[in-house]
Amino acid sequence: MSESLHIVCPHCDAVNRVPESRLAENPVCGKCGQALFNGYPVALTQQTFAKAISRNDIPVLVDFWAPWCGPCKMMAPQFEQAAKTLEPHIRLAKVDTEAEQMLGAQYGIRSIPTLALFKGGKEVARQAGAMGAADIVRWVQSHL
């Protein structure tokens, strides 16, 4: 029997129970009916961050970035490509530190882009600087 995992819906923030063996079968949210994974990073805000980090049973990789940051813009398509590779076993998310300054301060983000990997609600690894998709995937896998 497969273990059920809690997965937070990227559309309505409902917490869904999904059998681990069915993660790759394009599960949909029981509340809003939309796909739980779509191969794209989820934008998190002050209101959605804590739930996404603490209620997802899969690791969450967060890209702390800002719209004015050149390296952040260069890394965005690479991060998106990594999402296509790492989902559904890892949720990728983005936090705009310009719009969500409290989150940036709370997590001590000093330079951007910064990647932070969370597992079980706790930060387990951090990396500053832009990376390519293959490097992001390798870095994440080396910390799990």
N, C-alpha and C. Protein backbone atom coordinates (compact mmCIF):
# COMPACT_ATOMS: atom_id res chain seq x y z
N MET A 1 0.85 -1.18 0.00
CA MET A 1 0.00 0.00 0.00
C MET A 1 0.90 1.24 0.00
N SER A 2 0.56 2.18 -0.84
CA SER A 2 1.37 3.39 -0.99
C SER A 2 1.04 4.40 0.10
N GLU A 3 2.06 5.09 0.55
CA GLU A 3 1.89 6.13 1.55
C GLU A 3 1.26 7.36 0.88
N SER A 4 0.34 8.02 1.59
CA SER A 4 -0.26 9.24 1.07
C SER A 4 0.59 10.44 1.46
N LEU A 5 0.74 11.36 0.53
CA LEU A 5 1.48 12.58 0.76
C LEU A 5 0.52 13.76 0.74
N HIS A 6 0.80 14.76 1.56
CA HIS A 6 0.04 16.00 1.51
C HIS A 6 0.69 16.91 0.46
N ILE A 7 -0.12 17.40 -0.46
CA ILE A 7 0.35 18.29 -1.52
C ILE A 7 -0.55 19.53 -1.51
N VAL A 8 0.06 20.71 -1.38
CA VAL A 8 -0.70 21.97 -1.38
C VAL A 8 -0.97 22.36 -2.83
N CYS A 9 -2.23 22.64 -3.13
CA CYS A 9 -2.62 23.05 -4.48
C CYS A 9 -2.01 24.42 -4.80
N PRO A 10 -1.34 24.54 -5.96
CA PRO A 10 -0.75 25.83 -6.32
C PRO A 10 -1.79 26.87 -6.75
N HIS A 11 -3.04 26.44 -6.92
CA HIS A 11 -4.08 27.35 -7.40
C HIS A 11 -4.97 27.88 -6.27
N CYS A 12 -5.39 26.97 -5.34
CA CYS A 12 -6.34 27.39 -4.30
C CYS A 12 -5.81 27.18 -2.88
N ASP A 13 -4.58 26.64 -2.75
CA ASP A 13 -3.93 26.41 -1.45
C ASP A 13 -4.58 25.32 -0.60
N ALA A 14 -5.49 24.53 -1.19
CA ALA A 14 -6.07 23.40 -0.45
C ALA A 14 -5.00 22.32 -0.28
N VAL A 15 -5.03 21.63 0.84
CA VAL A 15 -4.10 20.53 1.08
C VAL A 15 -4.78 19.24 0.61
N ASN A 16 -4.12 18.54 -0.32
CA ASN A 16 -4.65 17.31 -0.90
C ASN A 16 -3.83 16.12 -0.41
N ARG A 17 -4.49 14.98 -0.26
CA ARG A 17 -3.78 13.74 0.03
C ARG A 17 -3.66 12.96 -1.27
N VAL A 18 -2.42 12.65 -1.64
CA VAL A 18 -2.17 11.94 -2.90
C VAL A 18 -1.30 10.72 -2.58
N PRO A 19 -1.73 9.52 -3.00
CA PRO A 19 -0.87 8.36 -2.80
C PRO A 19 0.46 8.58 -3.52
N GLU A 20 1.56 8.30 -2.84
CA GLU A 20 2.89 8.54 -3.41
C GLU A 20 3.04 7.85 -4.77
N SER A 21 2.45 6.68 -4.90
CA SER A 21 2.56 5.92 -6.15
C SER A 21 1.80 6.59 -7.31
N ARG A 22 0.93 7.57 -7.00
CA ARG A 22 0.14 8.23 -8.05
C ARG A 22 0.60 9.66 -8.34
N LEU A 23 1.71 10.08 -7.74
CA LEU A 23 2.22 11.44 -7.96
C LEU A 23 2.43 11.74 -9.43
N ALA A 24 2.96 10.78 -10.17
CA ALA A 24 3.30 11.01 -11.58
C ALA A 24 2.10 10.86 -12.52
N GLU A 25 0.92 10.62 -11.96
CA GLU A 25 -0.28 10.40 -12.79
C GLU A 25 -1.12 11.67 -12.93
N ASN A 26 -0.47 12.83 -12.89
CA ASN A 26 -1.15 14.13 -13.05
C ASN A 26 -2.33 14.31 -12.10
N PRO A 27 -2.10 14.22 -10.79
CA PRO A 27 -3.21 14.37 -9.84
C PRO A 27 -3.80 15.77 -9.90
N VAL A 28 -5.10 15.85 -9.59
CA VAL A 28 -5.79 17.14 -9.58
C VAL A 28 -6.27 17.45 -8.16
N CYS A 29 -6.48 18.70 -7.89
CA CYS A 29 -6.94 19.17 -6.59
C CYS A 29 -8.38 18.73 -6.36
N GLY A 30 -8.65 18.20 -5.17
CA GLY A 30 -10.00 17.80 -4.82
C GLY A 30 -10.94 18.97 -4.61
N LYS A 31 -10.40 20.15 -4.38
CA LYS A 31 -11.23 21.33 -4.13
C LYS A 31 -11.52 22.10 -5.43
N CYS A 32 -10.46 22.46 -6.19
CA CYS A 32 -10.68 23.31 -7.38
C CYS A 32 -10.60 22.55 -8.70
N GLY A 33 -10.14 21.29 -8.65
CA GLY A 33 -10.10 20.47 -9.86
C GLY A 33 -8.94 20.74 -10.81
N GLN A 34 -8.05 21.66 -10.45
CA GLN A 34 -6.91 21.96 -11.32
C GLN A 34 -5.73 21.04 -11.00
N ALA A 35 -4.80 20.95 -11.95
CA ALA A 35 -3.63 20.08 -11.79
C ALA A 35 -2.78 20.53 -10.61
N LEU A 36 -2.32 19.55 -9.81
CA LEU A 36 -1.44 19.87 -8.68
C LEU A 36 -0.03 20.18 -9.16
N PHE A 37 0.33 19.67 -10.35
CA PHE A 37 1.65 19.94 -10.93
C PHE A 37 1.47 20.31 -12.39
N ASN A 38 2.14 21.38 -12.82
CA ASN A 38 2.04 21.79 -14.22
C ASN A 38 3.39 22.09 -14.85
N GLY A 39 4.47 21.73 -14.14
CA GLY A 39 5.80 21.94 -14.70
C GLY A 39 6.30 23.37 -14.61
N TYR A 40 5.63 24.20 -13.81
CA TYR A 40 6.05 25.59 -13.65
C TYR A 40 6.16 25.92 -12.18
N PRO A 41 7.09 26.81 -11.82
CA PRO A 41 7.19 27.23 -10.42
C PRO A 41 5.94 27.98 -9.97
N VAL A 42 5.64 27.87 -8.69
CA VAL A 42 4.48 28.51 -8.07
C VAL A 42 4.94 29.82 -7.44
N ALA A 43 4.22 30.90 -7.66
CA ALA A 43 4.54 32.18 -7.00
C ALA A 43 3.98 32.15 -5.58
N LEU A 44 4.85 32.39 -4.61
CA LEU A 44 4.42 32.41 -3.21
C LEU A 44 4.42 33.84 -2.67
N THR A 45 3.49 34.09 -1.75
CA THR A 45 3.38 35.39 -1.10
C THR A 45 3.49 35.19 0.41
N GLN A 46 3.49 36.29 1.14
CA GLN A 46 3.52 36.23 2.61
C GLN A 46 2.36 35.35 3.11
N GLN A 47 1.21 35.42 2.44
CA GLN A 47 0.03 34.68 2.86
C GLN A 47 0.12 33.18 2.55
N THR A 48 0.82 32.79 1.48
CA THR A 48 0.83 31.39 1.06
C THR A 48 2.13 30.66 1.39
N PHE A 49 3.18 31.39 1.76
CA PHE A 49 4.50 30.79 1.94
C PHE A 49 4.53 29.72 3.03
N ALA A 50 4.08 30.05 4.24
CA ALA A 50 4.18 29.13 5.37
C ALA A 50 3.46 27.82 5.09
N LYS A 51 2.28 27.90 4.52
CA LYS A 51 1.51 26.68 4.22
C LYS A 51 2.23 25.84 3.17
N ALA A 52 2.75 26.49 2.14
CA ALA A 52 3.45 25.77 1.07
C ALA A 52 4.69 25.06 1.60
N ILE A 53 5.38 25.68 2.53
CA ILE A 53 6.62 25.11 3.08
C ILE A 53 6.31 24.01 4.10
N SER A 54 5.33 24.26 4.96
CA SER A 54 5.10 23.34 6.07
C SER A 54 4.11 22.22 5.77
N ARG A 55 3.19 22.41 4.83
CA ARG A 55 2.16 21.39 4.61
C ARG A 55 2.43 20.46 3.43
N ASN A 56 3.38 20.81 2.56
CA ASN A 56 3.77 19.91 1.47
C ASN A 56 4.66 18.81 2.05
N ASP A 57 4.33 17.56 1.78
CA ASP A 57 5.19 16.46 2.23
C ASP A 57 6.37 16.23 1.28
N ILE A 58 6.35 16.88 0.14
CA ILE A 58 7.49 16.82 -0.77
C ILE A 58 8.37 18.04 -0.50
N PRO A 59 9.68 17.97 -0.80
CA PRO A 59 10.53 19.14 -0.61
C PRO A 59 10.07 20.31 -1.49
N VAL A 60 10.36 21.52 -1.04
CA VAL A 60 10.01 22.74 -1.78
C VAL A 60 11.29 23.53 -2.02
N LEU A 61 11.57 23.81 -3.29
CA LEU A 61 12.73 24.61 -3.67
C LEU A 61 12.24 26.02 -4.00
N VAL A 62 12.74 27.01 -3.27
CA VAL A 62 12.29 28.39 -3.44
C VAL A 62 13.40 29.24 -4.06
N ASP A 63 13.03 29.96 -5.12
CA ASP A 63 13.91 30.93 -5.76
C ASP A 63 13.52 32.31 -5.24
N PHE A 64 14.38 32.91 -4.43
CA PHE A 64 14.17 34.29 -3.98
C PHE A 64 14.78 35.20 -5.04
N TRP A 65 13.99 36.06 -5.66
CA TRP A 65 14.41 36.86 -6.79
C TRP A 65 13.77 38.25 -6.74
N ALA A 66 14.13 39.11 -7.69
CA ALA A 66 13.49 40.43 -7.83
C ALA A 66 13.43 40.78 -9.31
N PRO A 67 12.39 41.52 -9.72
CA PRO A 67 12.21 41.85 -11.14
C PRO A 67 13.33 42.70 -11.75
N TRP A 68 14.05 43.47 -10.92
CA TRP A 68 15.11 44.35 -11.43
C TRP A 68 16.46 43.64 -11.53
N CYS A 69 16.53 42.39 -11.09
CA CYS A 69 17.80 41.66 -10.99
C CYS A 69 18.12 40.93 -12.30
N GLY A 70 19.19 41.34 -12.97
CA GLY A 70 19.60 40.72 -14.23
C GLY A 70 19.86 39.23 -14.13
N PRO A 71 20.70 38.78 -13.18
CA PRO A 71 20.94 37.34 -13.04
C PRO A 71 19.66 36.56 -12.73
N CYS A 72 18.72 37.18 -12.00
CA CYS A 72 17.44 36.52 -11.70
C CYS A 72 16.66 36.27 -12.99
N LYS A 73 16.65 37.29 -13.86
CA LYS A 73 15.95 37.16 -15.14
C LYS A 73 16.60 36.09 -16.01
N MET A 74 17.94 36.03 -15.97
CA MET A 74 18.66 35.01 -16.75
C MET A 74 18.36 33.61 -16.22
N MET A 75 18.21 33.48 -14.90
CA MET A 75 17.99 32.16 -14.31
C MET A 75 16.54 31.70 -14.41
N ALA A 76 15.59 32.61 -14.59
CA ALA A 76 14.16 32.25 -14.58
C ALA A 76 13.82 31.10 -15.53
N PRO A 77 14.24 31.14 -16.81
CA PRO A 77 13.91 30.02 -17.70
C PRO A 77 14.62 28.72 -17.28
N GLN A 78 15.79 28.84 -16.67
CA GLN A 78 16.51 27.67 -16.18
C GLN A 78 15.77 27.03 -15.00
N PHE A 79 15.24 27.88 -14.13
CA PHE A 79 14.47 27.40 -12.97
C PHE A 79 13.20 26.71 -13.45
N GLU A 80 12.56 27.30 -14.48
CA GLU A 80 11.37 26.70 -15.07
C GLU A 80 11.69 25.33 -15.66
N GLN A 81 12.81 25.24 -16.35
CA GLN A 81 13.24 23.96 -16.93
C GLN A 81 13.49 22.94 -15.82
N ALA A 82 14.08 23.36 -14.72
CA ALA A 82 14.31 22.45 -13.58
C ALA A 82 12.99 21.96 -13.01
N ALA A 83 11.96 22.82 -13.02
CA ALA A 83 10.64 22.41 -12.52
C ALA A 83 10.09 21.25 -13.34
N LYS A 84 10.27 21.32 -14.64
CA LYS A 84 9.79 20.25 -15.52
C LYS A 84 10.48 18.92 -15.21
N THR A 85 11.74 19.00 -14.77
CA THR A 85 12.51 17.80 -14.43
C THR A 85 12.19 17.28 -13.04
N LEU A 86 12.09 18.18 -12.06
CA LEU A 86 11.98 17.78 -10.66
C LEU A 86 10.55 17.47 -10.20
N GLU A 87 9.54 18.10 -10.82
CA GLU A 87 8.17 17.77 -10.43
C GLU A 87 7.84 16.36 -10.91
N PRO A 88 7.00 15.62 -10.23
CA PRO A 88 6.18 15.97 -9.07
C PRO A 88 6.80 15.62 -7.72
N HIS A 89 8.07 15.30 -7.68
CA HIS A 89 8.68 14.89 -6.42
C HIS A 89 9.22 16.06 -5.61
N ILE A 90 9.32 17.21 -6.25
CA ILE A 90 9.77 18.44 -5.58
C ILE A 90 8.93 19.59 -6.14
N ARG A 91 8.44 20.44 -5.24
CA ARG A 91 7.67 21.62 -5.67
C ARG A 91 8.66 22.76 -5.84
N LEU A 92 8.62 23.46 -6.98
CA LEU A 92 9.45 24.64 -7.18
C LEU A 92 8.58 25.88 -7.03
N ALA A 93 9.12 26.87 -6.35
CA ALA A 93 8.36 28.08 -6.06
C ALA A 93 9.27 29.29 -6.18
N LYS A 94 8.64 30.46 -6.37
CA LYS A 94 9.39 31.71 -6.49
C LYS A 94 8.81 32.72 -5.50
N VAL A 95 9.71 33.51 -4.92
CA VAL A 95 9.31 34.61 -4.05
C VAL A 95 9.94 35.88 -4.59
N ASP A 96 9.10 36.83 -4.99
CA ASP A 96 9.56 38.14 -5.45
C ASP A 96 9.90 38.96 -4.20
N THR A 97 11.19 39.11 -3.92
CA THR A 97 11.61 39.79 -2.69
C THR A 97 11.31 41.29 -2.71
N GLU A 98 11.03 41.83 -3.87
CA GLU A 98 10.63 43.23 -3.98
C GLU A 98 9.20 43.39 -3.45
N ALA A 99 8.32 42.48 -3.86
CA ALA A 99 6.92 42.53 -3.43
C ALA A 99 6.73 41.93 -2.03
N GLU A 100 7.56 40.97 -1.67
CA GLU A 100 7.44 40.25 -0.40
C GLU A 100 8.68 40.49 0.46
N GLN A 101 8.91 41.75 0.81
CA GLN A 101 10.12 42.12 1.53
C GLN A 101 10.21 41.46 2.91
N MET A 102 9.06 41.22 3.54
CA MET A 102 9.07 40.58 4.86
C MET A 102 9.64 39.16 4.78
N LEU A 103 9.30 38.43 3.71
CA LEU A 103 9.82 37.07 3.55
C LEU A 103 11.33 37.10 3.33
N GLY A 104 11.78 38.02 2.50
CA GLY A 104 13.22 38.16 2.27
C GLY A 104 13.96 38.44 3.56
N ALA A 105 13.40 39.32 4.38
CA ALA A 105 14.01 39.66 5.66
C ALA A 105 13.94 38.48 6.64
N GLN A 106 12.79 37.83 6.68
CA GLN A 106 12.60 36.70 7.60
C GLN A 106 13.61 35.59 7.34
N TYR A 107 13.94 35.36 6.07
CA TYR A 107 14.87 34.29 5.72
C TYR A 107 16.30 34.79 5.48
N GLY A 108 16.55 36.06 5.81
CA GLY A 108 17.91 36.60 5.74
C GLY A 108 18.50 36.55 4.34
N ILE A 109 17.68 36.85 3.33
CA ILE A 109 18.17 36.84 1.95
C ILE A 109 19.03 38.08 1.75
N ARG A 110 20.31 37.89 1.49
CA ARG A 110 21.26 38.99 1.35
C ARG A 110 21.61 39.28 -0.10
N SER A 111 21.52 38.27 -0.95
CA SER A 111 21.80 38.46 -2.37
C SER A 111 20.79 37.63 -3.16
N ILE A 112 20.54 38.07 -4.38
CA ILE A 112 19.60 37.35 -5.23
C ILE A 112 20.23 37.11 -6.59
N PRO A 113 19.87 36.05 -7.26
CA PRO A 113 18.93 35.03 -6.80
C PRO A 113 19.56 34.16 -5.71
N THR A 114 18.70 33.70 -4.80
CA THR A 114 19.10 32.72 -3.79
C THR A 114 18.09 31.58 -3.83
N LEU A 115 18.60 30.35 -3.90
CA LEU A 115 17.75 29.18 -3.83
C LEU A 115 17.80 28.64 -2.41
N ALA A 116 16.63 28.31 -1.88
CA ALA A 116 16.55 27.69 -0.55
C ALA A 116 15.69 26.44 -0.68
N LEU A 117 16.21 25.33 -0.16
CA LEU A 117 15.51 24.06 -0.23
C LEU A 117 14.92 23.76 1.15
N PHE A 118 13.61 23.50 1.17
CA PHE A 118 12.90 23.22 2.41
C PHE A 118 12.39 21.79 2.39
N LYS A 119 12.51 21.12 3.52
CA LYS A 119 11.99 19.77 3.66
C LYS A 119 11.37 19.67 5.05
N GLY A 120 10.13 19.23 5.11
CA GLY A 120 9.46 19.13 6.41
C GLY A 120 9.33 20.48 7.10
N GLY A 121 9.20 21.54 6.33
CA GLY A 121 9.02 22.87 6.89
C GLY A 121 10.30 23.57 7.31
N LYS A 122 11.44 22.88 7.17
CA LYS A 122 12.72 23.47 7.59
C LYS A 122 13.66 23.64 6.40
N GLU A 123 14.43 24.72 6.42
CA GLU A 123 15.42 24.93 5.37
C GLU A 123 16.56 23.94 5.56
N VAL A 124 16.90 23.21 4.49
CA VAL A 124 17.96 22.21 4.58
C VAL A 124 19.19 22.58 3.76
N ALA A 125 19.04 23.52 2.82
CA ALA A 125 20.19 23.95 2.01
C ALA A 125 19.89 25.31 1.39
N ARG A 126 20.97 26.04 1.06
CA ARG A 126 20.84 27.37 0.45
C ARG A 126 21.99 27.58 -0.51
N GLN A 127 21.70 28.25 -1.62
CA GLN A 127 22.73 28.53 -2.63
C GLN A 127 22.42 29.90 -3.25
N ALA A 128 23.40 30.81 -3.22
CA ALA A 128 23.23 32.11 -3.85
C ALA A 128 23.87 32.09 -5.23
N GLY A 129 23.30 32.87 -6.14
CA GLY A 129 23.86 32.99 -7.48
C GLY A 129 23.05 32.23 -8.51
N ALA A 130 23.11 32.71 -9.75
CA ALA A 130 22.37 32.09 -10.84
C ALA A 130 22.99 30.74 -11.22
N MET A 131 22.13 29.80 -11.57
CA MET A 131 22.58 28.47 -12.00
C MET A 131 21.77 28.03 -13.20
N GLY A 132 22.35 27.13 -13.99
CA GLY A 132 21.65 26.52 -15.11
C GLY A 132 20.73 25.42 -14.60
N ALA A 133 19.81 24.97 -15.46
CA ALA A 133 18.82 23.96 -15.07
C ALA A 133 19.47 22.68 -14.57
N ALA A 134 20.47 22.18 -15.28
CA ALA A 134 21.12 20.92 -14.88
C ALA A 134 21.82 21.08 -13.53
N ASP A 135 22.41 22.26 -13.29
CA ASP A 135 23.08 22.51 -12.01
C ASP A 135 22.06 22.60 -10.87
N ILE A 136 20.91 23.21 -11.14
CA ILE A 136 19.85 23.30 -10.13
C ILE A 136 19.40 21.89 -9.74
N VAL A 137 19.14 21.05 -10.75
CA VAL A 137 18.68 19.68 -10.50
C VAL A 137 19.73 18.91 -9.70
N ARG A 138 20.97 19.01 -10.10
CA ARG A 138 22.07 18.31 -9.40
C ARG A 138 22.19 18.79 -7.95
N TRP A 139 22.12 20.12 -7.77
CA TRP A 139 22.26 20.70 -6.44
C TRP A 139 21.14 20.20 -5.52
N VAL A 140 19.91 20.22 -6.02
CA VAL A 140 18.77 19.75 -5.23
C VAL A 140 18.95 18.28 -4.87
N GLN A 141 19.27 17.46 -5.85
CA GLN A 141 19.41 16.02 -5.61
C GLN A 141 20.54 15.72 -4.63
N SER A 142 21.57 16.55 -4.61
CA SER A 142 22.69 16.32 -3.70
C SER A 142 22.31 16.63 -2.24
N HIS A 143 21.19 17.35 -2.04
CA HIS A 143 20.79 17.73 -0.67
C HIS A 143 19.58 16.96 -0.17
N LEU A 144 19.16 15.95 -0.93
CA LEU A 144 17.99 15.16 -0.48
C LEU A 144 18.38 13.74 -0.16
